[in-house]
All heavy atoms as atom14 arrays in JSON, in Angstrom:
{
  "sequence": "RAAVQAFARARFGAQAVTMAARVDGDLPQGWSM",
  "atom14_mask": [
    [1, 1, 1, 1, 1, 1, 1, 1, 1, 1, 1, 0, 0, 0],
    [1, 1, 1, 1, 1, 0, 0, 0, 0, 0, 0, 0, 0, 0],
    [1, 1, 1, 1, 1, 0, 0, 0, 0, 0, 0, 0, 0, 0],
    [1, 1, 1, 1, 1, 1, 1, 0, 0, 0, 0, 0, 0, 0],
    [1, 1, 1, 1, 1, 1, 1, 1, 1, 0, 0, 0, 0, 0],
    [1, 1, 1, 1, 1, 0, 0, 0, 0, 0, 0, 0, 0, 0],
    [1, 1, 1, 1, 1, 1, 1, 1, 1, 1, 1, 0, 0, 0],
    [1, 1, 1, 1, 1, 0, 0, 0, 0, 0, 0, 0, 0, 0],
    [1, 1, 1, 1, 1, 1, 1, 1, 1, 1, 1, 0, 0, 0],
    [1, 1, 1, 1, 1, 0, 0, 0, 0, 0, 0, 0, 0, 0],
    [1, 1, 1, 1, 1, 1, 1, 1, 1, 1, 1, 0, 0, 0],
    [1, 1, 1, 1, 1, 1, 1, 1, 1, 1, 1, 0, 0, 0],
    [1, 1, 1, 1, 0, 0, 0, 0, 0, 0, 0, 0, 0, 0],
    [1, 1, 1, 1, 1, 0, 0, 0, 0, 0, 0, 0, 0, 0],
    [1, 1, 1, 1, 1, 1, 1, 1, 1, 0, 0, 0, 0, 0],
    [1, 1, 1, 1, 1, 0, 0, 0, 0, 0, 0, 0, 0, 0],
    [1, 1, 1, 1, 1, 1, 1, 0, 0, 0, 0, 0, 0, 0],
    [1, 1, 1, 1, 1, 1, 1, 0, 0, 0, 0, 0, 0, 0],
    [1, 1, 1, 1, 1, 1, 1, 1, 0, 0, 0, 0, 0, 0],
    [1, 1, 1, 1, 1, 0, 0, 0, 0, 0, 0, 0, 0, 0],
    [1, 1, 1, 1, 1, 0, 0, 0, 0, 0, 0, 0, 0, 0],
    [1, 1, 1, 1, 1, 1, 1, 1, 1, 1, 1, 0, 0, 0],
    [1, 1, 1, 1, 1, 1, 1, 0, 0, 0, 0, 0, 0, 0],
    [1, 1, 1, 1, 1, 1, 1, 1, 0, 0, 0, 0, 0, 0],
    [1, 1, 1, 1, 0, 0, 0, 0, 0, 0, 0, 0, 0, 0],
    [1, 1, 1, 1, 1, 1, 1, 1, 0, 0, 0, 0, 0, 0],
    [1, 1, 1, 1, 1, 1, 1, 1, 0, 0, 0, 0, 0, 0],
    [1, 1, 1, 1, 1, 1, 1, 0, 0, 0, 0, 0, 0, 0],
    [1, 1, 1, 1, 1, 1, 1, 1, 1, 0, 0, 0, 0, 0],
    [1, 1, 1, 1, 0, 0, 0, 0, 0, 0, 0, 0, 0, 0],
    [1, 1, 1, 1, 1, 1, 1, 1, 1, 1, 1, 1, 1, 1],
    [1, 1, 1, 1, 1, 1, 0, 0, 0, 0, 0, 0, 0, 0],
    [1, 1, 1, 1, 1, 1, 1, 1, 0, 0, 0, 0, 0, 0]
  ],
  "atom14_positions": [
    [[13.41, 0.43, 3.71], [12.9, -0.7, 2.97], [11.37, -0.9, 3.19], [10.56, -1.21, 2.29], [13.62, -1.99, 3.44], [13.18, -3.26, 2.74], [14.1, -4.35, 3.1], [14.1, -4.71, 4.5], [14.95, -5.71, 5.02], [15.74, -6.4, 4.24], [14.91, -5.86, 6.3], [0.0, 0.0, 0.0], [0.0, 0.0, 0.0], [0.0, 0.0, 0.0]],
    [[10.94, -0.63, 4.37], [9.51, -0.69, 4.63], [8.75, 0.45, 4.0], [7.6, 0.23, 3.46], [9.32, -0.48, 6.34], [0.0, 0.0, 0.0], [0.0, 0.0, 0.0], [0.0, 0.0, 0.0], [0.0, 0.0, 0.0], [0.0, 0.0, 0.0], [0.0, 0.0, 0.0], [0.0, 0.0, 0.0], [0.0, 0.0, 0.0], [0.0, 0.0, 0.0]],
    [[9.35, 1.63, 3.8], [8.7, 2.66, 3.13], [8.56, 2.33, 1.68], [7.5, 2.63, 1.02], [9.39, 4.01, 3.26], [0.0, 0.0, 0.0], [0.0, 0.0, 0.0], [0.0, 0.0, 0.0], [0.0, 0.0, 0.0], [0.0, 0.0, 0.0], [0.0, 0.0, 0.0], [0.0, 0.0, 0.0], [0.0, 0.0, 0.0], [0.0, 0.0, 0.0]],
    [[9.65, 1.85, 1.04], [9.56, 1.37, -0.37], [8.57, 0.32, -0.62], [7.72, 0.32, -1.6], [10.97, 0.96, -0.85], [10.93, 0.25, -2.24], [11.91, 2.08, -0.89], [0.0, 0.0, 0.0], [0.0, 0.0, 0.0], [0.0, 0.0, 0.0], [0.0, 0.0, 0.0], [0.0, 0.0, 0.0], [0.0, 0.0, 0.0], [0.0, 0.0, 0.0]],
    [[8.42, -0.59, 0.3], [7.49, -1.68, 0.21], [6.01, -1.15, 0.25], [5.17, -1.64, -0.48], [7.73, -2.78, 1.25], [6.84, -3.92, 1.18], [7.14, -5.07, 2.15], [7.81, -4.77, 3.16], [6.67, -6.3, 1.94], [0.0, 0.0, 0.0], [0.0, 0.0, 0.0], [0.0, 0.0, 0.0], [0.0, 0.0, 0.0], [0.0, 0.0, 0.0]],
    [[5.81, -0.3, 1.21], [4.48, 0.28, 1.32], [4.18, 1.12, 0.1], [2.95, 1.08, -0.37], [4.44, 1.28, 2.54], [0.0, 0.0, 0.0], [0.0, 0.0, 0.0], [0.0, 0.0, 0.0], [0.0, 0.0, 0.0], [0.0, 0.0, 0.0], [0.0, 0.0, 0.0], [0.0, 0.0, 0.0], [0.0, 0.0, 0.0], [0.0, 0.0, 0.0]],
    [[5.02, 1.82, -0.47], [4.83, 2.58, -1.69], [4.43, 1.66, -2.88], [3.55, 1.89, -3.58], [6.03, 3.46, -2.07], [5.82, 4.27, -3.27], [5.12, 5.44, -3.27], [6.45, 3.89, -4.47], [4.95, 6.16, -4.49], [6.31, 4.67, -5.64], [5.53, 5.83, -5.59], [0.0, 0.0, 0.0], [0.0, 0.0, 0.0], [0.0, 0.0, 0.0]],
    [[5.2, 0.56, -2.86], [5.05, -0.46, -3.98], [3.64, -1.13, -3.85], [2.9, -1.3, -4.79], [6.11, -1.49, -4.0], [0.0, 0.0, 0.0], [0.0, 0.0, 0.0], [0.0, 0.0, 0.0], [0.0, 0.0, 0.0], [0.0, 0.0, 0.0], [0.0, 0.0, 0.0], [0.0, 0.0, 0.0], [0.0, 0.0, 0.0], [0.0, 0.0, 0.0]],
    [[3.28, -1.44, -2.66], [1.95, -2.06, -2.41], [0.84, -1.07, -2.77], [-0.22, -1.47, -3.25], [1.92, -2.5, -0.97], [2.62, -3.8, -0.69], [2.6, -4.11, 0.76], [3.2, -5.44, 1.01], [3.32, -6.03, 2.22], [2.89, -5.44, 3.26], [3.95, -7.12, 2.3], [0.0, 0.0, 0.0], [0.0, 0.0, 0.0], [0.0, 0.0, 0.0]],
    [[1.05, 0.17, -2.51], [-0.01, 1.2, -2.85], [-0.12, 1.37, -4.34], [-1.25, 1.53, -4.86], [0.37, 2.57, -2.19], [0.0, 0.0, 0.0], [0.0, 0.0, 0.0], [0.0, 0.0, 0.0], [0.0, 0.0, 0.0], [0.0, 0.0, 0.0], [0.0, 0.0, 0.0], [0.0, 0.0, 0.0], [0.0, 0.0, 0.0], [0.0, 0.0, 0.0]],
    [[1.0, 1.17, -5.09], [0.94, 1.35, -6.59], [0.52, 0.06, -7.25], [-0.16, 0.04, -8.35], [2.2, 1.81, -7.13], [2.67, 3.25, -6.67], [1.67, 4.33, -7.08], [1.35, 4.28, -8.48], [1.96, 5.08, -9.36], [2.95, 5.83, -8.94], [1.6, 5.0, -10.61], [0.0, 0.0, 0.0], [0.0, 0.0, 0.0], [0.0, 0.0, 0.0]],
    [[0.93, -1.11, -6.76], [0.75, -2.38, -7.49], [-0.19, -3.39, -6.83], [-0.52, -4.42, -7.39], [2.06, -3.01, -7.74], [3.03, -2.21, -8.52], [3.96, -1.3, -7.89], [2.94, -2.21, -9.95], [4.8, -0.55, -8.7], [3.84, -1.48, -10.76], [4.76, -0.53, -10.09], [0.0, 0.0, 0.0], [0.0, 0.0, 0.0], [0.0, 0.0, 0.0]],
    [[-0.59, -3.08, -5.58], [-1.49, -4.02, -4.85], [-0.73, -4.68, -3.7], [0.39, -5.06, -3.87], [0.0, 0.0, 0.0], [0.0, 0.0, 0.0], [0.0, 0.0, 0.0], [0.0, 0.0, 0.0], [0.0, 0.0, 0.0], [0.0, 0.0, 0.0], [0.0, 0.0, 0.0], [0.0, 0.0, 0.0], [0.0, 0.0, 0.0], [0.0, 0.0, 0.0]],
    [[-1.43, -4.89, -2.58], [-0.74, -5.41, -1.32], [-0.3, -6.78, -1.56], [0.82, -7.23, -1.09], [-1.68, -5.31, -0.13], [0.0, 0.0, 0.0], [0.0, 0.0, 0.0], [0.0, 0.0, 0.0], [0.0, 0.0, 0.0], [0.0, 0.0, 0.0], [0.0, 0.0, 0.0], [0.0, 0.0, 0.0], [0.0, 0.0, 0.0], [0.0, 0.0, 0.0]],
    [[-1.07, -7.61, -2.26], [-0.77, -8.97, -2.37], [0.16, -9.27, -3.6], [0.56, -10.37, -3.86], [-1.95, -9.76, -2.59], [-2.95, -9.62, -1.47], [-2.36, -10.06, -0.12], [-1.62, -11.01, 0.05], [-2.71, -9.22, 0.94], [0.0, 0.0, 0.0], [0.0, 0.0, 0.0], [0.0, 0.0, 0.0], [0.0, 0.0, 0.0], [0.0, 0.0, 0.0]],
    [[0.6, -8.23, -4.41], [1.31, -8.39, -5.63], [2.78, -8.18, -5.49], [3.56, -8.31, -6.47], [0.76, -7.59, -6.7], [0.0, 0.0, 0.0], [0.0, 0.0, 0.0], [0.0, 0.0, 0.0], [0.0, 0.0, 0.0], [0.0, 0.0, 0.0], [0.0, 0.0, 0.0], [0.0, 0.0, 0.0], [0.0, 0.0, 0.0], [0.0, 0.0, 0.0]],
    [[3.24, -7.72, -4.28], [4.66, -7.22, -4.15], [5.4, -8.24, -3.29], [4.92, -8.67, -2.21], [4.6, -5.88, -3.43], [5.98, -5.45, -3.11], [3.94, -4.81, -4.18], [0.0, 0.0, 0.0], [0.0, 0.0, 0.0], [0.0, 0.0, 0.0], [0.0, 0.0, 0.0], [0.0, 0.0, 0.0], [0.0, 0.0, 0.0], [0.0, 0.0, 0.0]],
    [[6.58, -8.55, -3.8], [7.58, -9.39, -3.1], [8.81, -8.61, -2.89], [9.49, -8.23, -3.79], [7.88, -10.69, -3.86], [6.66, -11.48, -4.08], [8.86, -11.51, -3.2], [0.0, 0.0, 0.0], [0.0, 0.0, 0.0], [0.0, 0.0, 0.0], [0.0, 0.0, 0.0], [0.0, 0.0, 0.0], [0.0, 0.0, 0.0], [0.0, 0.0, 0.0]],
    [[9.2, -8.34, -1.59], [10.42, -7.59, -1.24], [11.58, -8.57, -1.05], [11.47, -9.47, -0.11], [10.1, -6.8, 0.01], [11.36, -6.06, 0.53], [12.09, -4.89, -0.66], [10.87, -3.59, -0.62], [0.0, 0.0, 0.0], [0.0, 0.0, 0.0], [0.0, 0.0, 0.0], [0.0, 0.0, 0.0], [0.0, 0.0, 0.0], [0.0, 0.0, 0.0]],
    [[12.65, -8.44, -1.8], [13.76, -9.33, -1.66], [15.06, -8.41, -1.69], [16.07, -8.8, -2.34], [13.84, -10.26, -2.8], [0.0, 0.0, 0.0], [0.0, 0.0, 0.0], [0.0, 0.0, 0.0], [0.0, 0.0, 0.0], [0.0, 0.0, 0.0], [0.0, 0.0, 0.0], [0.0, 0.0, 0.0], [0.0, 0.0, 0.0], [0.0, 0.0, 0.0]],
    [[15.02, -7.28, -1.05], [16.21, -6.36, -1.02], [16.86, -6.43, 0.38], [16.28, -6.46, 1.3], [15.73, -4.84, -1.3], [0.0, 0.0, 0.0], [0.0, 0.0, 0.0], [0.0, 0.0, 0.0], [0.0, 0.0, 0.0], [0.0, 0.0, 0.0], [0.0, 0.0, 0.0], [0.0, 0.0, 0.0], [0.0, 0.0, 0.0], [0.0, 0.0, 0.0]],
    [[18.18, -6.41, 0.29], [18.91, -6.44, 1.51], [19.35, -5.02, 1.99], [19.28, -4.11, 1.17], [20.2, -7.34, 1.4], [21.28, -6.83, 0.57], [22.4, -7.76, 0.46], [23.52, -7.36, -0.41], [24.52, -6.63, 0.0], [24.58, -6.22, 1.28], [25.52, -6.24, -0.87], [0.0, 0.0, 0.0], [0.0, 0.0, 0.0], [0.0, 0.0, 0.0]],
    [[19.67, -4.93, 3.3], [20.07, -3.63, 3.77], [21.6, -3.47, 3.6], [22.41, -4.28, 3.89], [19.7, -3.55, 5.32], [20.2, -2.29, 5.88], [18.2, -3.58, 5.5], [0.0, 0.0, 0.0], [0.0, 0.0, 0.0], [0.0, 0.0, 0.0], [0.0, 0.0, 0.0], [0.0, 0.0, 0.0], [0.0, 0.0, 0.0], [0.0, 0.0, 0.0]],
    [[21.89, -2.24, 3.13], [23.31, -1.86, 2.86], [23.37, -0.36, 3.26], [22.9, 0.52, 2.61], [23.74, -2.03, 1.42], [25.17, -1.75, 1.06], [25.85, -1.28, 2.1], [25.61, -1.93, 0.03], [0.0, 0.0, 0.0], [0.0, 0.0, 0.0], [0.0, 0.0, 0.0], [0.0, 0.0, 0.0], [0.0, 0.0, 0.0], [0.0, 0.0, 0.0]],
    [[24.21, -0.05, 4.31], [24.26, 1.26, 4.74], [25.28, 2.13, 3.99], [25.37, 3.33, 4.22], [0.0, 0.0, 0.0], [0.0, 0.0, 0.0], [0.0, 0.0, 0.0], [0.0, 0.0, 0.0], [0.0, 0.0, 0.0], [0.0, 0.0, 0.0], [0.0, 0.0, 0.0], [0.0, 0.0, 0.0], [0.0, 0.0, 0.0], [0.0, 0.0, 0.0]],
    [[26.0, 1.5, 3.1], [26.99, 2.2, 2.36], [26.53, 2.39, 0.89], [27.04, 1.95, -0.07], [28.37, 1.6, 2.38], [29.42, 2.32, 1.8], [29.28, 3.62, 1.64], [30.44, 1.85, 1.35], [0.0, 0.0, 0.0], [0.0, 0.0, 0.0], [0.0, 0.0, 0.0], [0.0, 0.0, 0.0], [0.0, 0.0, 0.0], [0.0, 0.0, 0.0]],
    [[25.43, 3.21, 0.71], [24.89, 3.43, -0.62], [25.03, 4.9, -1.02], [25.13, 5.8, -0.16], [23.35, 3.02, -0.63], [23.11, 1.6, -0.55], [21.56, 1.32, -0.38], [23.64, 0.77, -1.7], [0.0, 0.0, 0.0], [0.0, 0.0, 0.0], [0.0, 0.0, 0.0], [0.0, 0.0, 0.0], [0.0, 0.0, 0.0], [0.0, 0.0, 0.0]],
    [[25.01, 5.22, -2.28], [25.15, 6.66, -2.7], [24.03, 7.5, -2.21], [22.97, 7.13, -1.92], [25.21, 6.57, -4.31], [25.44, 5.14, -4.57], [24.91, 4.31, -3.48], [0.0, 0.0, 0.0], [0.0, 0.0, 0.0], [0.0, 0.0, 0.0], [0.0, 0.0, 0.0], [0.0, 0.0, 0.0], [0.0, 0.0, 0.0], [0.0, 0.0, 0.0]],
    [[24.36, 8.8, -2.11], [23.35, 9.79, -1.63], [22.22, 9.83, -2.6], [22.45, 9.85, -3.81], [24.04, 11.15, -1.37], [23.13, 12.2, -0.74], [23.8, 13.48, -0.56], [24.96, 13.64, -0.95], [23.16, 14.44, 0.05], [0.0, 0.0, 0.0], [0.0, 0.0, 0.0], [0.0, 0.0, 0.0], [0.0, 0.0, 0.0], [0.0, 0.0, 0.0]],
    [[21.02, 9.91, -2.06], [19.91, 10.08, -2.91], [19.42, 8.72, -3.54], [18.51, 8.69, -4.46], [0.0, 0.0, 0.0], [0.0, 0.0, 0.0], [0.0, 0.0, 0.0], [0.0, 0.0, 0.0], [0.0, 0.0, 0.0], [0.0, 0.0, 0.0], [0.0, 0.0, 0.0], [0.0, 0.0, 0.0], [0.0, 0.0, 0.0], [0.0, 0.0, 0.0]],
    [[19.89, 7.61, -3.03], [19.57, 6.35, -3.57], [18.04, 6.01, -3.33], [17.38, 5.48, -4.27], [20.36, 5.16, -2.86], [20.17, 3.84, -3.31], [19.32, 2.8, -2.75], [20.73, 3.25, -4.49], [19.42, 1.7, -3.5], [20.18, 1.91, -4.54], [21.64, 3.71, -5.5], [20.6, 1.03, -5.57], [21.94, 2.88, -6.51], [21.47, 1.53, -6.53]],
    [[17.51, 6.36, -2.17], [16.06, 6.06, -1.92], [15.2, 6.77, -2.91], [14.18, 6.22, -3.5], [15.81, 6.44, -0.49], [16.49, 5.86, 0.39], [0.0, 0.0, 0.0], [0.0, 0.0, 0.0], [0.0, 0.0, 0.0], [0.0, 0.0, 0.0], [0.0, 0.0, 0.0], [0.0, 0.0, 0.0], [0.0, 0.0, 0.0], [0.0, 0.0, 0.0]],
    [[15.53, 8.09, -3.16], [14.71, 8.79, -4.12], [14.75, 8.17, -5.54], [13.75, 8.21, -6.23], [15.12, 10.28, -4.17], [14.4, 11.18, -5.08], [12.55, 11.12, -4.8], [12.51, 12.01, -3.2], [0.0, 0.0, 0.0], [0.0, 0.0, 0.0], [0.0, 0.0, 0.0], [0.0, 0.0, 0.0], [0.0, 0.0, 0.0], [0.0, 0.0, 0.0]]
  ]
}
């Protein structure tokens, strides 16, 4: 989640990103990519 937020801030601006995703350990393989 921290890596996705950092990537989003790099693409869209640090002050423009709102992270509202919850953690779920049972997600399909390759979900992050």
